[in-house]
Amino acid sequence: MSALQWQSLAGMGALCLLAWVLGGCRRGVSARVVVAGLASVLGLAALLLNIAWLRVGFGWIGQGVEALARATRAGTSLVFGYLGGGPLPFPEPFPGAAFILFFQALPLVLVVGALSAVLFHWGVLGFLVRLLARALRRVFGLGGASGFGVGANVFVGMVEAPLMIRPWLARMNSTELFVVMVAGMATIAGNMFVIYALVIAPVVPDAAGQLLTASLISAPAAVLVAMLMRPGDTSTTAEEAPVLRYSSTMEALVQGIGDGLQLMLGVMAALIVFVALVALANEVLQPLLGLTLEQMAGWLFRPLAWAMGVAPEHAARAGELLGVKVVVNEFVSYLALAQEGAAMDPRTRLILAYAMCGFANFGSVGIMLGGMSAMVPERRAEIARLGFPALAAGTIACCLTGAAVGVLTAP
């Protein structure tokens, strides 16, 4: 192993210690949970990154993403013309000049949202979620409902996953509730990883497969970090949670389109507002302090970049991208990685792709609190109290996933 790989391994221990300290150094943390958690994160990463036939499968996933993108472009070209990727009526002044995010990339959310709903109705995603829930139950002792919630977060969003276990949310104890919330922060929805894969494909090989791998690895990482911050019994809700079904495939398709439209508009609005807020903050900070918000975040998150094993010459910029991911969102960070990744070494790009693969940002806290409070209004105050700790835990879990990749990837 190289020095940077040993640094990543030491960083995994440091990140676990940070989670325990931020949780108030609580008693009751099980050594079995820590060992099993670290072993499952590293073991899962080793399997998914190094087994040849899995890598071939990731290539197929990448081809599937490209097929989805081409199919979506056929629809956007019909509706929006050249704005949606159709033939240009004028010469393109430079490569990429005709790309418009809202008309060409975000509509993919509609297609994937519809497909996801159909796959849920057919039981395909439910089967995959149950497999992951059983694995988490064996490793961490999670109850059926909380394990199902963590597993569902790998494939759906931070509000949709708790919705699938809504009947059990009111009966969960604080630790179980926190585990589900952290999993929502540390993973991304299936319909979003397709978008992110298209964005970073020029700088990260097999981008779609890599991001799917990142979300899978982050599931046990989220459970480990959550139980370090809030240790307790996680097996009180042992019943198996049901998979939501639609009355017909057509209903699933229509409902999926509607849900995808809401998500697409929400992403658009969040991008506009949060990028504007960051720009406004920079307008104030630059004259007063001579620093931007990104530069300040870079100093704050640089130790996390070191803990993941990022090379020293890239640690400052890596810290900035992590900070932007938390302050704004992961979409903006991935856009920056796509633009600047060529200046970084492949190992750093890969670590960052994994570390930024999660919904842990300030905007997501509001989305999660609003959604879960509506599901269990009697626990509104508790959910609000756990919101920002879940943000911190989700960020650490994502960095733990990045560090695991750093351990297994030579410079």
Protein backbone atom coordinates (compact mmCIF):
# COMPACT_ATOMS: atom_id res chain seq x y z
CA MET A 1 0.00 0.00 0.00
CA SER A 2 1.13 3.53 -0.75
CA ALA A 3 1.41 6.34 1.82
CA LEU A 4 -1.83 7.89 0.55
CA GLN A 5 -3.68 4.59 0.93
CA TRP A 6 -2.46 4.29 4.53
CA GLN A 7 -3.61 7.89 5.00
CA SER A 8 -7.09 6.90 3.80
CA LEU A 9 -7.13 3.95 6.21
CA ALA A 10 -6.12 6.18 9.14
CA GLY A 11 -8.72 8.67 7.96
CA MET A 12 -11.49 6.09 8.28
CA GLY A 13 -10.64 5.75 11.96
CA ALA A 14 -10.46 9.52 12.35
CA LEU A 15 -13.89 9.96 10.75
CA CYS A 16 -15.40 7.40 13.13
CA LEU A 17 -13.83 9.24 16.07
CA LEU A 18 -15.22 12.54 14.75
CA ALA A 19 -18.72 11.04 14.57
CA TRP A 20 -18.45 9.81 18.17
CA VAL A 21 -17.22 13.21 19.40
CA LEU A 22 -19.94 15.13 17.52
CA GLY A 23 -22.48 12.78 19.08
CA GLY A 24 -21.35 13.92 22.53
CA CYS A 25 -19.04 10.94 23.23
CA ARG A 26 -22.07 8.86 24.17
CA ARG A 27 -21.70 5.60 26.01
CA GLY A 28 -23.11 2.37 24.70
CA VAL A 29 -21.26 2.25 21.37
CA SER A 30 -20.75 -1.42 20.53
CA ALA A 31 -17.27 -2.49 19.43
CA ARG A 32 -18.98 -5.13 17.29
CA VAL A 33 -20.90 -2.44 15.43
CA VAL A 34 -17.72 -0.43 14.74
CA VAL A 35 -15.72 -3.44 13.54
CA ALA A 36 -18.60 -4.86 11.53
CA GLY A 37 -19.38 -1.45 10.06
CA LEU A 38 -15.83 -0.71 8.92
CA ALA A 39 -15.43 -4.25 7.61
CA SER A 40 -18.70 -4.05 5.66
CA VAL A 41 -17.80 -0.67 4.14
CA LEU A 42 -14.32 -1.82 3.08
CA GLY A 43 -15.49 -5.29 2.07
CA LEU A 44 -18.38 -4.00 -0.02
CA ALA A 45 -16.11 -1.43 -1.67
CA ALA A 46 -13.51 -4.12 -2.45
CA LEU A 47 -16.13 -6.40 -3.99
CA LEU A 48 -17.81 -3.73 -6.07
CA LEU A 49 -14.57 -2.12 -7.25
CA ASN A 50 -12.42 -5.16 -8.02
CA ILE A 51 -14.57 -8.08 -9.16
CA ALA A 52 -14.30 -8.24 -12.94
CA TRP A 53 -17.85 -9.30 -13.75
CA LEU A 54 -19.21 -6.51 -11.55
CA ARG A 55 -17.08 -4.02 -13.46
CA VAL A 56 -18.55 -5.39 -16.68
CA GLY A 57 -21.97 -4.86 -15.15
CA PHE A 58 -21.05 -1.24 -14.44
CA GLY A 59 -20.18 -0.84 -18.12
CA TRP A 60 -23.68 -2.08 -18.96
CA ILE A 61 -25.13 0.42 -16.50
CA GLY A 62 -23.20 3.17 -18.27
CA GLN A 63 -24.57 2.04 -21.63
CA GLY A 64 -28.06 1.99 -20.13
CA VAL A 65 -27.61 5.57 -18.91
CA GLU A 66 -26.53 6.65 -22.38
CA ALA A 67 -29.57 4.90 -23.87
CA LEU A 68 -31.85 6.71 -21.41
CA ALA A 69 -30.20 10.01 -22.30
CA ARG A 70 -30.69 9.39 -26.02
CA ALA A 71 -34.32 8.41 -25.48
CA THR A 72 -34.94 11.51 -23.38
CA ARG A 73 -33.27 13.68 -25.99
CA ALA A 74 -35.75 12.38 -28.57
CA GLY A 75 -38.59 13.70 -26.39
CA THR A 76 -36.96 17.02 -25.51
CA SER A 77 -36.03 17.63 -29.16
CA LEU A 78 -39.68 17.20 -30.15
CA VAL A 79 -40.96 19.52 -27.41
CA PHE A 80 -38.18 22.11 -27.18
CA GLY A 81 -36.47 21.85 -30.58
CA TYR A 82 -32.79 22.77 -30.63
CA LEU A 83 -33.02 23.97 -27.01
CA GLY A 84 -33.72 20.34 -26.06
CA GLY A 85 -30.85 18.88 -28.08
CA GLY A 86 -32.31 18.95 -31.60
CA PRO A 87 -30.37 20.09 -34.69
CA LEU A 88 -29.04 23.63 -34.33
CA PRO A 89 -30.22 26.25 -36.84
CA PHE A 90 -26.85 28.01 -36.46
CA PRO A 91 -23.18 27.00 -36.03
CA GLU A 92 -22.15 26.21 -32.46
CA PRO A 93 -19.50 28.80 -31.48
CA PHE A 94 -17.65 26.29 -29.24
CA PRO A 95 -18.28 22.71 -28.00
CA GLY A 96 -20.97 22.68 -25.32
CA ALA A 97 -22.27 26.17 -26.09
CA ALA A 98 -25.69 24.80 -27.06
CA PHE A 99 -26.12 22.76 -23.87
CA ILE A 100 -28.93 24.08 -21.66
CA LEU A 101 -29.23 22.27 -18.34
CA PHE A 102 -32.99 22.60 -17.83
CA PHE A 103 -34.01 21.59 -21.35
CA GLN A 104 -31.47 18.82 -21.99
CA ALA A 105 -30.38 17.22 -18.67
CA LEU A 106 -33.12 17.71 -16.09
CA PRO A 107 -35.93 16.15 -18.19
CA LEU A 108 -34.17 12.82 -17.66
CA VAL A 109 -35.63 12.96 -14.12
CA LEU A 110 -39.10 12.58 -15.67
CA VAL A 111 -38.14 9.43 -17.59
CA VAL A 112 -36.29 7.79 -14.72
CA GLY A 113 -39.04 8.74 -12.26
CA ALA A 114 -41.62 7.03 -14.43
CA LEU A 115 -39.46 3.93 -14.89
CA SER A 116 -38.76 3.74 -11.14
CA ALA A 117 -42.46 3.80 -10.33
CA VAL A 118 -43.12 1.00 -12.83
CA LEU A 119 -40.25 -1.10 -11.43
CA PHE A 120 -41.68 -0.63 -7.93
CA HIS A 121 -45.10 -1.75 -9.16
CA TRP A 122 -43.56 -4.84 -10.76
CA GLY A 123 -41.70 -5.63 -7.53
CA VAL A 124 -38.17 -5.35 -8.98
CA LEU A 125 -36.93 -2.53 -6.74
CA GLY A 126 -38.77 -3.96 -3.75
CA PHE A 127 -36.85 -7.22 -4.17
CA LEU A 128 -33.51 -5.39 -4.31
CA VAL A 129 -34.40 -3.32 -1.25
CA ARG A 130 -35.32 -6.42 0.77
CA LEU A 131 -31.97 -8.03 -0.04
CA LEU A 132 -30.10 -4.99 1.22
CA ALA A 133 -32.31 -4.75 4.32
CA ARG A 134 -31.53 -8.38 5.24
CA ALA A 135 -27.80 -7.73 4.89
CA LEU A 136 -28.00 -4.67 7.14
CA ARG A 137 -29.99 -6.60 9.71
CA ARG A 138 -27.31 -9.31 9.88
CA VAL A 139 -24.42 -6.85 10.18
CA PHE A 140 -25.92 -4.19 12.47
CA GLY A 141 -28.97 -5.87 13.99
CA LEU A 142 -31.34 -3.35 12.43
CA GLY A 143 -35.04 -4.03 12.75
CA GLY A 144 -37.05 -4.83 9.64
CA ALA A 145 -38.58 -1.38 9.26
CA SER A 146 -35.41 0.66 9.84
CA GLY A 147 -33.33 -1.72 7.72
CA PHE A 148 -35.91 -1.49 4.96
CA GLY A 149 -35.80 2.32 5.20
CA VAL A 150 -32.01 2.36 4.86
CA GLY A 151 -32.15 -0.05 1.93
CA ALA A 152 -34.84 1.96 0.17
CA ASN A 153 -32.74 5.13 0.45
CA VAL A 154 -30.22 3.58 -1.95
CA PHE A 155 -32.85 3.64 -4.70
CA VAL A 156 -35.29 6.42 -3.80
CA GLY A 157 -35.12 9.85 -2.18
CA MET A 158 -34.89 10.95 1.44
CA VAL A 159 -38.66 11.52 1.67
CA GLU A 160 -39.85 8.61 -0.49
CA ALA A 161 -37.93 6.03 1.58
CA PRO A 162 -39.50 6.99 4.94
CA LEU A 163 -42.87 7.11 3.18
CA MET A 164 -42.50 3.40 2.42
CA ILE A 165 -42.25 2.65 6.16
CA ARG A 166 -44.71 5.30 7.32
CA PRO A 167 -46.79 2.90 9.48
CA TRP A 168 -43.69 2.16 11.59
CA LEU A 169 -42.22 5.68 11.92
CA ALA A 170 -44.32 6.57 14.95
CA ARG A 171 -43.11 3.45 16.82
CA MET A 172 -39.40 3.79 16.08
CA ASN A 173 -37.13 4.85 18.90
CA SER A 174 -34.83 7.85 18.48
CA THR A 175 -31.85 5.80 17.30
CA GLU A 176 -33.83 4.02 14.60
CA LEU A 177 -35.36 7.27 13.39
CA PHE A 178 -31.91 8.87 13.26
CA VAL A 179 -30.50 5.93 11.27
CA VAL A 180 -33.19 6.35 8.60
CA MET A 181 -32.60 10.11 8.42
CA VAL A 182 -28.82 9.75 8.10
CA ALA A 183 -29.24 7.16 5.35
CA GLY A 184 -31.37 9.68 3.46
CA MET A 185 -28.59 12.27 3.72
CA ALA A 186 -25.75 9.89 2.80
CA THR A 187 -27.26 8.40 -0.38
CA ILE A 188 -28.89 9.68 -3.55
CA ALA A 189 -32.06 8.69 -5.38
CA GLY A 190 -31.78 6.49 -8.45
CA ASN A 191 -33.27 9.11 -10.73
CA MET A 192 -30.62 11.65 -9.66
CA PHE A 193 -27.53 9.46 -9.96
CA VAL A 194 -28.32 9.15 -13.68
CA ILE A 195 -28.12 12.93 -14.02
CA TYR A 196 -24.89 13.15 -12.03
CA ALA A 197 -23.36 10.32 -14.04
CA LEU A 198 -23.96 12.23 -17.27
CA VAL A 199 -22.35 15.33 -15.74
CA ILE A 200 -19.10 13.68 -14.57
CA ALA A 201 -18.79 11.05 -17.32
CA PRO A 202 -15.98 13.01 -19.08
CA VAL A 203 -13.69 12.85 -16.01
CA VAL A 204 -14.79 9.66 -14.17
CA PRO A 205 -14.80 6.34 -16.08
CA ASP A 206 -17.94 4.19 -15.70
CA ALA A 207 -19.57 7.13 -13.93
CA ALA A 208 -23.02 5.56 -13.61
CA GLY A 209 -21.66 2.36 -12.08
CA GLN A 210 -19.36 4.29 -9.78
CA LEU A 211 -22.18 6.40 -8.37
CA LEU A 212 -24.43 3.39 -7.89
CA THR A 213 -21.54 1.72 -6.05
CA ALA A 214 -21.08 4.85 -3.92
CA SER A 215 -24.73 4.86 -2.86
CA LEU A 216 -24.55 1.15 -1.97
CA ILE A 217 -21.39 1.57 0.12
CA SER A 218 -22.81 4.63 1.86
CA ALA A 219 -25.74 2.62 3.24
CA PRO A 220 -23.64 0.69 5.83
CA ALA A 221 -21.44 3.77 6.30
CA ALA A 222 -24.54 5.79 7.24
CA VAL A 223 -25.68 3.16 9.75
CA LEU A 224 -22.21 3.03 11.33
CA VAL A 225 -21.93 6.81 11.70
CA ALA A 226 -25.51 7.14 12.99
CA MET A 227 -24.93 4.49 15.65
CA LEU A 228 -21.67 6.15 16.69
CA MET A 229 -23.47 9.46 17.20
CA ARG A 230 -26.64 8.04 18.77
CA PRO A 231 -26.05 4.48 20.03
CA GLY A 232 -29.08 2.50 21.15
CA ASP A 233 -31.35 -0.42 20.38
CA THR A 234 -32.15 -0.64 16.66
CA SER A 235 -34.34 -3.74 16.61
CA THR A 236 -37.57 -2.52 18.18
CA THR A 237 -39.52 -2.38 14.91
CA ALA A 238 -38.86 -5.84 13.60
CA GLU A 239 -41.82 -6.23 11.25
CA GLU A 240 -41.13 -6.38 7.54
CA ALA A 241 -42.23 -3.20 5.81
CA PRO A 242 -44.45 -3.51 2.75
CA VAL A 243 -43.55 -2.21 -0.69
CA LEU A 244 -45.98 0.40 -1.96
CA ARG A 245 -47.86 -0.78 -5.06
CA TYR A 246 -50.04 0.92 -7.64
CA SER A 247 -53.31 -0.49 -8.97
CA SER A 248 -51.89 -0.84 -12.48
CA THR A 249 -48.76 -0.25 -14.53
CA MET A 250 -50.39 2.75 -16.19
CA GLU A 251 -51.15 4.33 -12.82
CA ALA A 252 -47.56 3.77 -11.77
CA LEU A 253 -46.35 5.39 -14.98
CA VAL A 254 -48.59 8.43 -14.61
CA GLN A 255 -47.80 8.84 -10.91
CA GLY A 256 -44.08 8.48 -11.63
CA ILE A 257 -44.25 11.22 -14.24
CA GLY A 258 -46.01 13.52 -11.76
CA ASP A 259 -43.49 12.81 -9.02
CA GLY A 260 -40.62 13.29 -11.48
CA LEU A 261 -42.04 16.65 -12.57
CA GLN A 262 -42.21 17.87 -8.97
CA LEU A 263 -38.63 16.72 -8.39
CA MET A 264 -37.37 18.32 -11.60
CA LEU A 265 -38.97 21.66 -10.73
CA GLY A 266 -37.66 21.36 -7.18
CA VAL A 267 -34.11 20.76 -8.43
CA MET A 268 -34.38 23.71 -10.79
CA ALA A 269 -35.68 26.01 -8.05
CA ALA A 270 -33.06 24.83 -5.54
CA LEU A 271 -30.24 25.37 -8.04
CA ILE A 272 -31.39 28.89 -8.83
CA VAL A 273 -31.95 29.92 -5.22
CA PHE A 274 -28.92 28.31 -3.58
CA VAL A 275 -26.48 29.39 -6.29
CA ALA A 276 -27.93 32.89 -5.97
CA LEU A 277 -27.57 32.83 -2.18
CA VAL A 278 -23.95 31.72 -2.42
CA ALA A 279 -23.27 34.48 -4.94
CA LEU A 280 -24.99 36.99 -2.63
CA ALA A 281 -22.90 35.80 0.33
CA ASN A 282 -19.76 36.20 -1.76
CA GLU A 283 -20.82 39.75 -2.67
CA VAL A 284 -20.77 40.53 1.06
CA LEU A 285 -17.74 38.48 2.14
CA GLN A 286 -15.38 39.41 -0.68
CA PRO A 287 -15.19 43.15 0.12
CA LEU A 288 -15.19 42.57 3.91
CA LEU A 289 -12.82 39.63 4.29
CA GLY A 290 -11.28 39.14 0.88
CA LEU A 291 -12.62 35.56 0.88
CA THR A 292 -15.45 33.73 -0.82
CA LEU A 293 -17.78 31.25 0.86
CA GLU A 294 -16.18 28.46 -1.17
CA GLN A 295 -12.70 29.41 0.08
CA MET A 296 -13.90 29.45 3.68
CA ALA A 297 -15.57 26.07 3.22
CA GLY A 298 -12.36 24.82 1.68
CA TRP A 299 -10.43 25.53 4.88
CA LEU A 300 -13.15 23.97 7.02
CA PHE A 301 -13.41 20.78 4.96
CA ARG A 302 -9.72 20.39 4.10
CA PRO A 303 -9.17 18.00 7.06
CA LEU A 304 -11.93 15.78 5.68
CA ALA A 305 -10.19 15.76 2.30
CA TRP A 306 -6.98 14.71 4.08
CA ALA A 307 -8.86 11.98 5.96
CA MET A 308 -10.04 10.53 2.66
CA GLY A 309 -6.45 10.35 1.40
CA VAL A 310 -6.57 13.13 -1.19
CA ALA A 311 -3.13 14.15 -2.43
CA PRO A 312 -1.82 17.30 -0.64
CA GLU A 313 -1.70 19.38 -3.82
CA HIS A 314 -5.44 18.80 -4.38
CA ALA A 315 -6.62 18.91 -0.75
CA ALA A 316 -7.55 22.61 -0.79
CA ARG A 317 -9.72 22.36 -3.90
CA ALA A 318 -11.20 19.05 -2.76
CA GLY A 319 -12.17 20.73 0.51
CA GLU A 320 -13.84 23.53 -1.43
CA LEU A 321 -15.88 21.08 -3.49
CA LEU A 322 -16.98 19.26 -0.33
CA GLY A 323 -17.94 22.60 1.20
CA VAL A 324 -19.93 23.64 -1.85
CA LYS A 325 -21.70 20.29 -1.73
CA VAL A 326 -22.86 20.94 1.85
CA VAL A 327 -23.56 24.66 1.50
CA VAL A 328 -25.22 24.50 -1.94
CA ASN A 329 -25.78 20.92 -3.17
CA GLU A 330 -23.99 17.99 -4.78
CA PHE A 331 -25.20 18.95 -8.27
CA VAL A 332 -23.14 22.15 -8.28
CA SER A 333 -20.13 20.26 -6.90
CA TYR A 334 -20.37 17.65 -9.63
CA LEU A 335 -20.61 20.38 -12.26
CA ALA A 336 -17.40 21.90 -10.85
CA LEU A 337 -15.71 18.48 -10.78
CA ALA A 338 -16.61 17.97 -14.44
CA GLN A 339 -15.11 21.34 -15.33
CA GLU A 340 -11.95 21.10 -13.20
CA GLY A 341 -11.40 17.34 -12.94
CA ALA A 342 -8.86 17.24 -15.74
CA ALA A 343 -6.46 19.15 -13.48
CA MET A 344 -6.71 16.46 -10.77
CA ASP A 345 -5.25 12.96 -10.73
CA PRO A 346 -7.68 10.07 -11.43
CA ARG A 347 -7.57 8.82 -7.82
CA THR A 348 -8.62 12.22 -6.44
CA ARG A 349 -11.44 12.48 -8.97
CA LEU A 350 -12.69 9.04 -7.98
CA ILE A 351 -12.56 9.78 -4.23
CA LEU A 352 -14.47 13.03 -4.73
CA ALA A 353 -17.07 11.36 -6.95
CA TYR A 354 -17.81 8.93 -4.11
CA ALA A 355 -17.61 11.50 -1.30
CA MET A 356 -20.04 13.89 -2.99
CA CYS A 357 -22.59 11.14 -3.76
CA GLY A 358 -25.18 12.05 -1.12
CA PHE A 359 -27.99 14.49 -0.37
CA ALA A 360 -26.25 15.94 2.71
CA ASN A 361 -26.75 19.69 2.30
CA PHE A 362 -28.70 22.47 4.00
CA GLY A 363 -31.51 22.42 1.45
CA SER A 364 -32.04 18.70 2.02
CA VAL A 365 -32.49 19.29 5.74
CA GLY A 366 -35.53 21.44 4.99
CA ILE A 367 -36.92 18.90 2.52
CA MET A 368 -36.49 16.03 4.99
CA LEU A 369 -37.92 17.89 7.97
CA GLY A 370 -40.95 19.01 6.00
CA GLY A 371 -41.64 15.59 4.52
CA MET A 372 -41.12 13.47 7.63
CA SER A 373 -42.93 15.91 9.92
CA ALA A 374 -45.98 15.60 7.66
CA MET A 375 -45.81 11.80 7.96
CA VAL A 376 -45.56 11.73 11.76
CA PRO A 377 -46.63 15.17 13.05
CA GLU A 378 -46.58 13.92 16.65
CA ARG A 379 -42.77 13.63 16.38
CA ARG A 380 -42.20 16.96 14.61
CA ALA A 381 -40.05 18.43 17.40
CA GLU A 382 -37.85 15.33 17.60
CA ILE A 383 -37.38 15.22 13.84
CA ALA A 384 -36.44 18.91 13.81
CA ARG A 385 -33.92 18.32 16.62
CA LEU A 386 -32.28 15.51 14.64
CA GLY A 387 -32.10 17.45 11.35
CA PHE A 388 -28.69 19.09 11.58
CA PRO A 389 -27.03 16.14 13.38
CA ALA A 390 -28.28 14.02 10.48
CA LEU A 391 -26.66 16.48 8.07
CA ALA A 392 -23.33 16.17 9.91
CA ALA A 393 -23.61 12.38 10.08
CA GLY A 394 -24.53 12.10 6.41
CA THR A 395 -21.51 14.21 5.44
CA ILE A 396 -19.17 12.04 7.53
CA ALA A 397 -20.70 8.86 6.06
CA CYS A 398 -20.08 10.10 2.51
CA CYS A 399 -16.47 10.94 3.42
CA LEU A 400 -16.11 7.48 4.99
CA THR A 401 -17.16 6.01 1.64
CA GLY A 402 -14.61 8.22 -0.12
CA ALA A 403 -11.91 7.11 2.31
CA ALA A 404 -12.73 3.43 1.68
CA VAL A 405 -12.25 4.01 -2.03
CA GLY A 406 -8.97 5.77 -1.23
CA VAL A 407 -7.75 2.71 0.69
CA LEU A 408 -8.45 0.44 -2.28
CA THR A 409 -7.18 2.74 -5.07
CA ALA A 410 -3.45 3.15 -5.65
CA PRO A 411 -2.12 6.57 -6.76
